[in-house]
Structure formats: C-alpha cells, structure tokens
Amino acid sequence: MSGNRKQRRPALILLVVVGAVGCLALGWWQWTRFEAVGGTGQNLGYAFQWPLFAAFLVYAYRRFVQLEDAEPADTTEVPAAPAELREIPADVLPPRPAAAEDDDPDDLESRQISQYNQYLAELSARETDRSTT
C-alpha cells in the first residue's frame, strides 16, 4: 500500500501546483482590476483573498501527506463493542410532562391544545391508507 501512495503523489502535487498557480493568477487579476479606473475595495479584498486560498492548498496537501505517512494509532485503547445488547436505564431520559388534562382547566391555551390533539386523533382514526392509490 505504501508504494501505491507514492504513485499517487505526483498527481496530487500537480493538482496543488495548478490550483495554487490558478489562485495566484486570480489574485493578480483582481489586483489589476483594483488598480483600474473602476476598481473597488471589493477587488482589493479578493486580491488578498486569492493568495490565501493558494497557501491553504499547499498547507492542506502538506497536512494530508503528514497524516498519510503517520503510523496508525494503537487500537488497544479503543474499548471493544459489547457482544450483547443492553437495556437503557429508565432514568437516562427526563420524565415526560404531565398530560394537558392535568393542567389548569381554566387555561385557554391548554384547552385549545387538548381539543386540537383530539381533532388530530379523530382525523387519524378516520383516514384510510392512501399509500396504495
């Protein structure tokens, strides 16, 4: 596998070089646009931004090579997955709030929510399966 990585690196280097040169060319183009009669501050911002993109391409390739060449991490530190499923303890999740009927019966919003939920339940009970039509 190590030999395969070395064979791919010239193509990656070419990609980084072409990308960086392209970014630098776009930065130069934006600089000439800024110096032109109709140049704006936006052109100046892009003229400084494109070289940063070129530098990031070089940094990303360098970091990729470092990570690719690094030795794999020791896998003994990772805990093994349990062989059997376990039950989730009941106290993991917070308790559910009380039903709307238990709330203050004089609360208009609570009654409206309860009526709306009953309406939705009735609609659901009446509705037939339409997925086959």
N, C-alpha and C. Protein backbone atom coordinates (compact mmCIF):
# COMPACT_ATOMS: atom_id res chain seq x y z
N MET A 1 0.83 -1.20 0.00
CA MET A 1 0.00 0.00 0.00
C MET A 1 0.87 1.26 0.00
N SER A 2 2.01 1.18 0.64
CA SER A 2 2.88 2.35 0.70
C SER A 2 3.34 2.76 -0.70
N GLY A 3 3.62 1.80 -1.56
CA GLY A 3 4.03 2.11 -2.92
C GLY A 3 2.92 2.75 -3.71
N ASN A 4 1.69 2.34 -3.45
CA ASN A 4 0.54 2.92 -4.14
C ASN A 4 0.37 4.39 -3.79
N ARG A 5 0.63 4.74 -2.54
CA ARG A 5 0.53 6.14 -2.12
C ARG A 5 1.58 6.99 -2.82
N LYS A 6 2.78 6.45 -2.97
CA LYS A 6 3.85 7.19 -3.62
C LYS A 6 3.52 7.43 -5.09
N GLN A 7 2.81 6.50 -5.72
CA GLN A 7 2.46 6.66 -7.13
C GLN A 7 1.41 7.75 -7.31
N ARG A 8 0.58 7.95 -6.32
CA ARG A 8 -0.47 8.98 -6.44
C ARG A 8 0.04 10.37 -6.11
N ARG A 9 1.13 10.49 -5.46
CA ARG A 9 1.60 11.80 -5.02
C ARG A 9 1.94 12.75 -6.17
N PRO A 10 2.56 12.30 -7.27
CA PRO A 10 2.81 13.26 -8.36
C PRO A 10 1.53 13.89 -8.89
N ALA A 11 0.48 13.12 -8.97
CA ALA A 11 -0.80 13.69 -9.43
C ALA A 11 -1.34 14.70 -8.42
N LEU A 12 -1.20 14.41 -7.13
CA LEU A 12 -1.65 15.35 -6.12
C LEU A 12 -0.80 16.62 -6.11
N ILE A 13 0.51 16.43 -6.32
CA ILE A 13 1.39 17.60 -6.38
C ILE A 13 1.01 18.47 -7.57
N LEU A 14 0.74 17.85 -8.71
CA LEU A 14 0.33 18.59 -9.89
C LEU A 14 -0.98 19.33 -9.62
N LEU A 15 -1.91 18.68 -8.95
CA LEU A 15 -3.18 19.33 -8.62
C LEU A 15 -2.96 20.55 -7.71
N VAL A 16 -2.12 20.40 -6.72
CA VAL A 16 -1.85 21.51 -5.80
C VAL A 16 -1.15 22.65 -6.53
N VAL A 17 -0.18 22.32 -7.39
CA VAL A 17 0.55 23.37 -8.12
C VAL A 17 -0.39 24.11 -9.06
N VAL A 18 -1.21 23.37 -9.81
CA VAL A 18 -2.15 24.01 -10.74
C VAL A 18 -3.15 24.87 -9.97
N GLY A 19 -3.65 24.34 -8.86
CA GLY A 19 -4.61 25.10 -8.05
C GLY A 19 -3.99 26.35 -7.45
N ALA A 20 -2.78 26.23 -6.93
CA ALA A 20 -2.12 27.38 -6.32
C ALA A 20 -1.77 28.43 -7.37
N VAL A 21 -1.28 28.01 -8.51
CA VAL A 21 -0.97 28.96 -9.58
C VAL A 21 -2.25 29.64 -10.06
N GLY A 22 -3.32 28.87 -10.18
CA GLY A 22 -4.60 29.46 -10.58
C GLY A 22 -5.08 30.50 -9.57
N CYS A 23 -4.95 30.18 -8.29
CA CYS A 23 -5.37 31.14 -7.26
C CYS A 23 -4.52 32.40 -7.29
N LEU A 24 -3.22 32.23 -7.48
CA LEU A 24 -2.34 33.40 -7.56
C LEU A 24 -2.65 34.23 -8.80
N ALA A 25 -2.97 33.56 -9.91
CA ALA A 25 -3.33 34.30 -11.12
C ALA A 25 -4.62 35.08 -10.91
N LEU A 26 -5.58 34.49 -10.24
CA LEU A 26 -6.82 35.21 -9.95
C LEU A 26 -6.57 36.38 -9.00
N GLY A 27 -5.65 36.21 -8.06
CA GLY A 27 -5.28 37.32 -7.18
C GLY A 27 -4.64 38.46 -7.96
N TRP A 28 -3.76 38.13 -8.91
CA TRP A 28 -3.14 39.15 -9.74
C TRP A 28 -4.18 39.87 -10.59
N TRP A 29 -5.10 39.09 -11.14
CA TRP A 29 -6.16 39.67 -11.97
C TRP A 29 -7.01 40.65 -11.14
N GLN A 30 -7.35 40.26 -9.90
CA GLN A 30 -8.14 41.15 -9.05
C GLN A 30 -7.33 42.40 -8.69
N TRP A 31 -6.01 42.26 -8.52
CA TRP A 31 -5.18 43.43 -8.22
C TRP A 31 -5.19 44.41 -9.40
N THR A 32 -5.09 43.88 -10.62
CA THR A 32 -5.13 44.77 -11.79
C THR A 32 -6.51 45.41 -11.93
N ARG A 33 -7.55 44.69 -11.56
CA ARG A 33 -8.90 45.27 -11.58
C ARG A 33 -9.01 46.39 -10.54
N PHE A 34 -8.38 46.21 -9.39
CA PHE A 34 -8.41 47.23 -8.35
C PHE A 34 -7.68 48.49 -8.80
N GLU A 35 -6.56 48.33 -9.50
CA GLU A 35 -5.79 49.48 -9.95
C GLU A 35 -6.42 50.17 -11.15
N ALA A 36 -7.38 49.52 -11.79
CA ALA A 36 -8.04 50.13 -12.94
C ALA A 36 -8.93 51.28 -12.46
N VAL A 37 -9.46 52.03 -13.43
CA VAL A 37 -10.27 53.21 -13.11
C VAL A 37 -11.51 52.83 -12.29
N GLY A 38 -12.15 51.74 -12.65
CA GLY A 38 -13.39 51.34 -11.96
C GLY A 38 -13.15 50.39 -10.80
N GLY A 39 -11.91 50.25 -10.33
CA GLY A 39 -11.61 49.31 -9.26
C GLY A 39 -12.24 49.72 -7.94
N THR A 40 -12.66 48.73 -7.17
CA THR A 40 -13.29 49.00 -5.88
C THR A 40 -12.54 48.27 -4.77
N GLY A 41 -12.96 48.52 -3.57
CA GLY A 41 -12.39 47.84 -2.41
C GLY A 41 -12.66 46.34 -2.44
N GLN A 42 -13.74 45.93 -3.10
CA GLN A 42 -14.04 44.51 -3.21
C GLN A 42 -12.95 43.81 -4.02
N ASN A 43 -12.48 44.46 -5.09
CA ASN A 43 -11.39 43.89 -5.87
C ASN A 43 -10.13 43.76 -5.03
N LEU A 44 -9.86 44.74 -4.18
CA LEU A 44 -8.69 44.68 -3.31
C LEU A 44 -8.82 43.52 -2.32
N GLY A 45 -10.01 43.35 -1.79
CA GLY A 45 -10.24 42.23 -0.87
C GLY A 45 -10.00 40.89 -1.54
N TYR A 46 -10.51 40.73 -2.75
CA TYR A 46 -10.28 39.49 -3.49
C TYR A 46 -8.81 39.31 -3.85
N ALA A 47 -8.12 40.43 -4.13
CA ALA A 47 -6.69 40.35 -4.46
C ALA A 47 -5.89 39.79 -3.29
N PHE A 48 -6.32 40.06 -2.06
CA PHE A 48 -5.64 39.49 -0.88
C PHE A 48 -6.18 38.11 -0.52
N GLN A 49 -7.41 37.83 -0.92
CA GLN A 49 -8.03 36.56 -0.56
C GLN A 49 -7.50 35.40 -1.40
N TRP A 50 -7.28 35.59 -2.67
CA TRP A 50 -6.85 34.50 -3.54
C TRP A 50 -5.49 33.92 -3.14
N PRO A 51 -4.50 34.73 -2.79
CA PRO A 51 -3.24 34.12 -2.32
C PRO A 51 -3.42 33.30 -1.04
N LEU A 52 -4.37 33.68 -0.21
CA LEU A 52 -4.65 32.86 0.99
C LEU A 52 -5.19 31.49 0.60
N PHE A 53 -6.02 31.46 -0.44
CA PHE A 53 -6.51 30.17 -0.94
C PHE A 53 -5.35 29.31 -1.45
N ALA A 54 -4.42 29.94 -2.15
CA ALA A 54 -3.25 29.21 -2.66
C ALA A 54 -2.44 28.65 -1.50
N ALA A 55 -2.22 29.45 -0.47
CA ALA A 55 -1.47 28.98 0.71
C ALA A 55 -2.22 27.84 1.40
N PHE A 56 -3.54 27.92 1.44
CA PHE A 56 -4.30 26.84 2.07
C PHE A 56 -4.16 25.54 1.29
N LEU A 57 -4.13 25.62 -0.03
CA LEU A 57 -3.95 24.40 -0.83
C LEU A 57 -2.62 23.73 -0.49
N VAL A 58 -1.56 24.51 -0.38
CA VAL A 58 -0.25 23.96 -0.04
C VAL A 58 -0.28 23.38 1.37
N TYR A 59 -0.87 24.10 2.31
CA TYR A 59 -0.97 23.61 3.69
C TYR A 59 -1.79 22.31 3.76
N ALA A 60 -2.91 22.26 3.05
CA ALA A 60 -3.76 21.07 3.10
C ALA A 60 -3.04 19.86 2.52
N TYR A 61 -2.30 20.05 1.43
CA TYR A 61 -1.55 18.93 0.86
C TYR A 61 -0.47 18.46 1.83
N ARG A 62 0.23 19.41 2.43
CA ARG A 62 1.29 19.05 3.38
C ARG A 62 0.72 18.28 4.57
N ARG A 63 -0.41 18.74 5.07
CA ARG A 63 -1.05 18.05 6.21
C ARG A 63 -1.55 16.66 5.80
N PHE A 64 -2.07 16.55 4.58
CA PHE A 64 -2.53 15.26 4.06
C PHE A 64 -1.38 14.26 4.02
N VAL A 65 -0.22 14.70 3.53
CA VAL A 65 0.94 13.82 3.45
C VAL A 65 1.38 13.41 4.85
N GLN A 66 1.38 14.34 5.79
CA GLN A 66 1.76 14.01 7.16
C GLN A 66 0.83 12.97 7.76
N LEU A 67 -0.46 13.14 7.56
CA LEU A 67 -1.42 12.18 8.11
C LEU A 67 -1.33 10.83 7.41
N GLU A 68 -1.06 10.86 6.12
CA GLU A 68 -0.96 9.62 5.37
C GLU A 68 0.28 8.82 5.78
N ASP A 69 1.38 9.51 6.08
CA ASP A 69 2.61 8.83 6.45
C ASP A 69 2.67 8.44 7.92
N ALA A 70 1.79 8.98 8.73
CA ALA A 70 1.80 8.69 10.16
C ALA A 70 1.45 7.23 10.41
N GLU A 71 2.03 6.70 11.45
CA GLU A 71 1.72 5.32 11.84
C GLU A 71 0.28 5.26 12.35
N PRO A 72 -0.41 4.17 12.08
CA PRO A 72 -1.78 4.07 12.60
C PRO A 72 -1.79 4.07 14.13
N ALA A 73 -2.84 4.64 14.68
CA ALA A 73 -2.96 4.74 16.14
C ALA A 73 -3.09 3.35 16.74
N ASP A 74 -2.67 3.22 17.98
CA ASP A 74 -2.77 1.96 18.69
C ASP A 74 -4.25 1.66 18.95
N THR A 75 -4.72 0.53 18.45
CA THR A 75 -6.14 0.20 18.57
C THR A 75 -6.48 -0.48 19.88
N THR A 76 -5.51 -0.75 20.74
CA THR A 76 -5.82 -1.40 22.01
C THR A 76 -6.51 -0.46 22.97
N GLU A 77 -6.39 0.85 22.76
CA GLU A 77 -7.02 1.81 23.67
C GLU A 77 -8.52 1.93 23.43
N VAL A 78 -8.99 1.53 22.26
CA VAL A 78 -10.41 1.65 21.93
C VAL A 78 -11.15 0.51 22.60
N PRO A 79 -12.18 0.81 23.38
CA PRO A 79 -12.92 -0.27 24.04
C PRO A 79 -13.69 -1.10 23.01
N ALA A 80 -13.72 -2.38 23.26
CA ALA A 80 -14.42 -3.29 22.35
C ALA A 80 -15.92 -3.11 22.52
N ALA A 81 -16.64 -3.30 21.42
CA ALA A 81 -18.10 -3.19 21.45
C ALA A 81 -18.68 -4.37 22.23
N PRO A 82 -19.73 -4.14 23.00
CA PRO A 82 -20.32 -5.25 23.77
C PRO A 82 -20.94 -6.28 22.82
N ALA A 83 -20.82 -7.54 23.20
CA ALA A 83 -21.33 -8.62 22.36
C ALA A 83 -22.85 -8.70 22.41
N GLU A 84 -23.45 -8.29 23.50
CA GLU A 84 -24.91 -8.39 23.62
C GLU A 84 -25.51 -7.01 23.86
N LEU A 85 -26.75 -6.87 23.49
CA LEU A 85 -27.44 -5.60 23.68
C LEU A 85 -27.76 -5.41 25.15
N ARG A 86 -27.76 -4.17 25.56
CA ARG A 86 -28.08 -3.86 26.94
C ARG A 86 -29.32 -2.99 26.98
N GLU A 87 -30.02 -3.05 28.09
CA GLU A 87 -31.22 -2.23 28.26
C GLU A 87 -30.82 -0.83 28.72
N ILE A 88 -31.51 0.15 28.20
CA ILE A 88 -31.25 1.52 28.59
C ILE A 88 -31.90 1.76 29.95
N PRO A 89 -31.18 2.31 30.90
CA PRO A 89 -31.77 2.57 32.21
C PRO A 89 -32.94 3.57 32.10
N ALA A 90 -33.92 3.41 32.95
CA ALA A 90 -35.13 4.22 32.87
C ALA A 90 -34.86 5.68 33.24
N ASP A 91 -33.85 5.95 34.03
CA ASP A 91 -33.61 7.32 34.47
C ASP A 91 -32.66 8.09 33.55
N VAL A 92 -32.37 7.57 32.36
CA VAL A 92 -31.48 8.27 31.44
C VAL A 92 -32.18 9.49 30.86
N LEU A 93 -33.41 9.33 30.46
CA LEU A 93 -34.17 10.43 29.88
C LEU A 93 -34.98 11.15 30.94
N PRO A 94 -35.24 12.43 30.74
CA PRO A 94 -36.08 13.14 31.71
C PRO A 94 -37.52 12.63 31.65
N PRO A 95 -38.26 12.77 32.74
CA PRO A 95 -39.65 12.29 32.73
C PRO A 95 -40.50 13.12 31.77
N ARG A 96 -41.52 12.49 31.23
CA ARG A 96 -42.43 13.18 30.32
C ARG A 96 -43.29 14.16 31.10
N PRO A 97 -43.63 15.26 30.46
CA PRO A 97 -44.50 16.22 31.15
C PRO A 97 -45.90 15.62 31.32
N ALA A 98 -46.62 16.14 32.30
CA ALA A 98 -47.97 15.65 32.58
C ALA A 98 -48.88 15.96 31.39
N ALA A 99 -49.94 15.20 31.26
CA ALA A 99 -50.87 15.39 30.15
C ALA A 99 -51.56 16.74 30.28
N ALA A 100 -52.06 17.25 29.17
CA ALA A 100 -52.68 18.57 29.15
C ALA A 100 -53.94 18.61 30.00
N GLU A 101 -54.61 17.47 30.19
CA GLU A 101 -55.84 17.45 31.00
C GLU A 101 -55.53 17.71 32.47
N ASP A 102 -54.30 17.40 32.89
CA ASP A 102 -53.93 17.62 34.29
C ASP A 102 -53.65 19.08 34.59
N ASP A 103 -53.48 19.89 33.55
CA ASP A 103 -53.18 21.30 33.74
C ASP A 103 -54.43 22.04 34.20
N ASP A 104 -54.25 23.30 34.40
CA ASP A 104 -55.34 24.17 34.84
C ASP A 104 -56.46 24.15 33.80
N PRO A 105 -57.69 23.74 34.16
CA PRO A 105 -58.77 23.67 33.18
C PRO A 105 -59.22 25.05 32.71
N ASP A 106 -58.88 26.08 33.45
CA ASP A 106 -59.27 27.42 33.03
C ASP A 106 -58.29 28.02 32.02
N ASP A 107 -57.17 27.35 31.77
CA ASP A 107 -56.17 27.85 30.83
C ASP A 107 -56.67 27.62 29.41
N LEU A 108 -56.94 28.71 28.70
CA LEU A 108 -57.50 28.65 27.35
C LEU A 108 -56.55 27.95 26.39
N GLU A 109 -55.27 28.26 26.46
CA GLU A 109 -54.31 27.66 25.53
C GLU A 109 -54.22 26.15 25.75
N SER A 110 -54.23 25.72 26.99
CA SER A 110 -54.18 24.30 27.30
C SER A 110 -55.40 23.56 26.75
N ARG A 111 -56.59 24.17 26.89
CA ARG A 111 -57.80 23.54 26.35
C ARG A 111 -57.76 23.47 24.83
N GLN A 112 -57.26 24.55 24.20
CA GLN A 112 -57.19 24.55 22.75
C GLN A 112 -56.22 23.48 22.23
N ILE A 113 -55.11 23.32 22.90
CA ILE A 113 -54.16 22.29 22.50
C ILE A 113 -54.76 20.92 22.66
N SER A 114 -55.47 20.71 23.77
CA SER A 114 -56.12 19.42 24.00
C SER A 114 -57.18 19.14 22.94
N GLN A 115 -58.01 20.14 22.60
CA GLN A 115 -59.02 19.97 21.56
C GLN A 115 -58.38 19.69 20.21
N TYR A 116 -57.30 20.37 19.91
CA TYR A 116 -56.62 20.17 18.63
C TYR A 116 -56.05 18.76 18.55
N ASN A 117 -55.46 18.27 19.65
CA ASN A 117 -54.92 16.92 19.66
C ASN A 117 -56.03 15.88 19.49
N GLN A 118 -57.19 16.12 20.11
CA GLN A 118 -58.33 15.21 19.92
C GLN A 118 -58.79 15.22 18.47
N TYR A 119 -58.83 16.40 17.85
CA TYR A 119 -59.22 16.53 16.45
C TYR A 119 -58.26 15.75 15.55
N LEU A 120 -56.95 15.88 15.81
CA LEU A 120 -55.97 15.16 15.02
C LEU A 120 -56.12 13.65 15.20
N ALA A 121 -56.43 13.21 16.41
CA ALA A 121 -56.62 11.78 16.66
C ALA A 121 -57.84 11.26 15.90
N GLU A 122 -58.91 12.06 15.86
CA GLU A 122 -60.10 11.65 15.10
C GLU A 122 -59.80 11.58 13.61
N LEU A 123 -59.08 12.55 13.09
CA LEU A 123 -58.72 12.52 11.67
C LEU A 123 -57.86 11.31 11.34
N SER A 124 -56.94 11.01 12.22
CA SER A 124 -56.07 9.86 12.01
C SER A 124 -56.86 8.56 12.04
N ALA A 125 -57.85 8.48 12.91
CA ALA A 125 -58.65 7.26 13.01
C ALA A 125 -59.53 7.08 11.77
N ARG A 126 -60.02 8.19 11.18
CA ARG A 126 -60.90 8.11 10.01
C ARG A 126 -60.13 7.89 8.71
N GLU A 127 -58.90 8.32 8.68
CA GLU A 127 -58.14 8.27 7.44
C GLU A 127 -57.77 6.84 7.06
N THR A 128 -57.98 6.51 5.80
CA THR A 128 -57.58 5.19 5.31
C THR A 128 -56.19 5.30 4.71
N ASP A 129 -55.58 4.16 4.50
CA ASP A 129 -54.23 4.14 3.94
C ASP A 129 -54.27 4.54 2.49
N ARG A 130 -53.66 5.68 2.15
CA ARG A 130 -53.67 6.20 0.78
C ARG A 130 -52.37 5.91 0.05
N SER A 131 -51.48 5.17 0.65
CA SER A 131 -50.19 4.93 0.02
C SER A 131 -50.29 3.98 -1.16
N THR A 132 -51.36 3.22 -1.27
CA THR A 132 -51.50 2.26 -2.37
C THR A 132 -52.21 2.85 -3.56
N THR A 133 -52.81 4.04 -3.44
CA THR A 133 -53.55 4.61 -4.57
C THR A 133 -52.71 5.53 -5.38
